[in-house]
Protein backbone atom coordinates (compact mmCIF):
# COMPACT_ATOMS: atom_id res chain seq x y z
CA MET A 1 0.00 0.00 0.00
CA THR A 2 1.55 3.32 -1.08
CA GLY A 3 0.48 6.89 -1.75
CA PHE A 4 0.81 8.10 1.84
CA ILE A 5 2.79 11.15 2.89
CA GLN A 6 3.87 12.87 6.07
CA VAL A 7 3.43 16.64 5.96
CA ILE A 8 5.77 18.66 8.14
CA VAL A 9 4.59 22.04 9.46
CA THR A 10 5.92 24.37 12.14
CA THR A 11 3.75 26.83 14.05
CA GLU A 12 4.36 29.73 16.39
CA THR A 13 2.06 28.49 19.18
CA LYS A 14 0.71 25.24 20.57
CA GLU A 15 -2.83 26.60 20.13
CA GLN A 16 -2.26 27.10 16.41
CA ALA A 17 -0.81 23.59 16.07
CA ARG A 18 -3.83 22.17 17.90
CA ALA A 19 -6.27 24.11 15.69
CA ILE A 20 -4.59 22.75 12.56
CA ALA A 21 -4.61 19.21 13.97
CA GLN A 22 -8.27 19.43 14.99
CA ARG A 23 -9.38 20.66 11.57
CA LEU A 24 -7.35 18.16 9.57
CA VAL A 25 -8.36 15.13 11.63
CA GLY A 26 -11.93 16.37 12.02
CA GLU A 27 -12.34 16.69 8.25
CA LYS A 28 -10.55 13.34 7.64
CA LEU A 29 -7.77 15.12 5.76
CA ALA A 30 -5.29 13.58 8.21
CA ALA A 31 -5.43 10.34 10.13
CA CYS A 32 -3.10 11.64 12.82
CA VAL A 33 -1.25 14.83 13.69
CA GLN A 34 1.58 14.59 16.18
CA ILE A 35 2.61 17.85 17.85
CA VAL A 36 6.16 18.14 19.14
CA ASP A 37 5.96 20.85 21.78
CA SER A 38 9.18 22.73 21.18
CA VAL A 39 11.84 22.79 18.50
CA GLU A 40 14.41 25.49 17.94
CA SER A 41 14.57 26.75 14.37
CA THR A 42 17.40 28.80 12.89
CA TYR A 43 16.68 30.29 9.48
CA ARG A 44 17.27 33.27 7.22
CA TRP A 45 14.29 35.62 6.88
CA LYS A 46 14.33 38.99 5.09
CA GLY A 47 18.14 39.07 5.05
CA LYS A 48 18.67 38.26 8.74
CA VAL A 49 19.45 35.06 10.59
CA GLU A 50 16.62 34.37 13.02
CA ARG A 51 16.22 31.86 15.84
CA THR A 52 12.87 30.98 17.37
CA ARG A 53 11.01 28.28 19.30
CA GLU A 54 8.26 26.60 17.31
CA ARG A 55 5.89 23.63 17.50
CA LEU A 56 6.38 20.85 14.96
CA CYS A 57 3.39 19.10 13.42
CA LEU A 58 3.81 15.69 11.77
CA ILE A 59 0.71 15.09 9.67
CA LYS A 60 -0.12 11.62 8.30
CA THR A 61 -2.25 11.72 5.15
CA ARG A 62 -2.64 10.56 1.56
CA GLU A 63 -0.77 12.23 -1.30
CA SER A 64 -4.02 12.92 -3.16
CA LEU A 65 -5.29 14.97 -0.18
CA PHE A 66 -2.26 17.29 -0.11
CA PRO A 67 -3.91 20.25 -1.90
CA LYS A 68 -6.76 20.27 0.67
CA VAL A 69 -4.34 19.80 3.56
CA GLU A 70 -2.19 22.67 2.31
CA ALA A 71 -5.22 24.96 1.89
CA ALA A 72 -6.48 24.19 5.40
CA ILE A 73 -3.06 24.86 6.93
CA LYS A 74 -2.70 28.17 5.09
CA ALA A 75 -6.19 29.24 6.21
CA LEU A 76 -5.25 28.72 9.88
CA HIS A 77 -1.55 29.66 9.87
CA SER A 78 -0.15 32.99 11.05
CA TYR A 79 3.12 32.92 9.07
CA ASP A 80 3.50 34.70 5.71
CA THR A 81 5.37 31.66 4.39
CA PRO A 82 4.62 28.60 6.54
CA GLU A 83 6.74 25.51 6.23
CA ILE A 84 4.56 22.93 4.47
CA ILE A 85 6.68 20.03 3.25
CA ALA A 86 5.44 16.61 2.19
CA VAL A 87 7.66 13.54 2.31
CA PRO A 88 6.62 10.15 0.97
CA VAL A 89 5.96 7.19 3.23
CA VAL A 90 7.88 4.50 1.42
CA ASP A 91 6.83 1.64 3.67
CA GLY A 92 5.19 0.84 7.00
CA SER A 93 3.53 -1.90 8.94
CA GLU A 94 0.56 -3.39 7.12
CA GLU A 95 -1.73 -2.80 10.10
CA TYR A 96 -0.76 0.86 10.49
CA LEU A 97 -1.10 1.63 6.78
CA ARG A 98 -4.50 -0.08 6.74
CA TRP A 99 -5.62 2.06 9.69
CA LEU A 100 -4.23 5.16 8.00
CA ASN A 101 -6.17 4.40 4.83
CA GLU A 102 -9.42 3.75 6.73
CA SER A 103 -9.06 6.99 8.72
CA LEU A 104 -8.91 9.30 5.70
CA ALA A 105 -11.60 10.73 3.43
């Protein structure tokens, strides 16, 4: 079973991460969203090197749902240019992938 992706998103606050997770899982656009409470990000923004604490969301979904997932994230996100990166799930346990498939729209 293939066609699954993990979407990686960072947010400024835990509340924003939870709102994104609630919407995606509630609308069956994601089977699961894991929120890692605090990561430190160092990046270049508008010509300056910045460092900030963020929340990391790991979103399990199907590749075909990515456009809807991306739109929902952008509608709820406070950043001008949020990190929204999809990586393929190349393999996984049969039971987990079956559950993932059954949990999505």
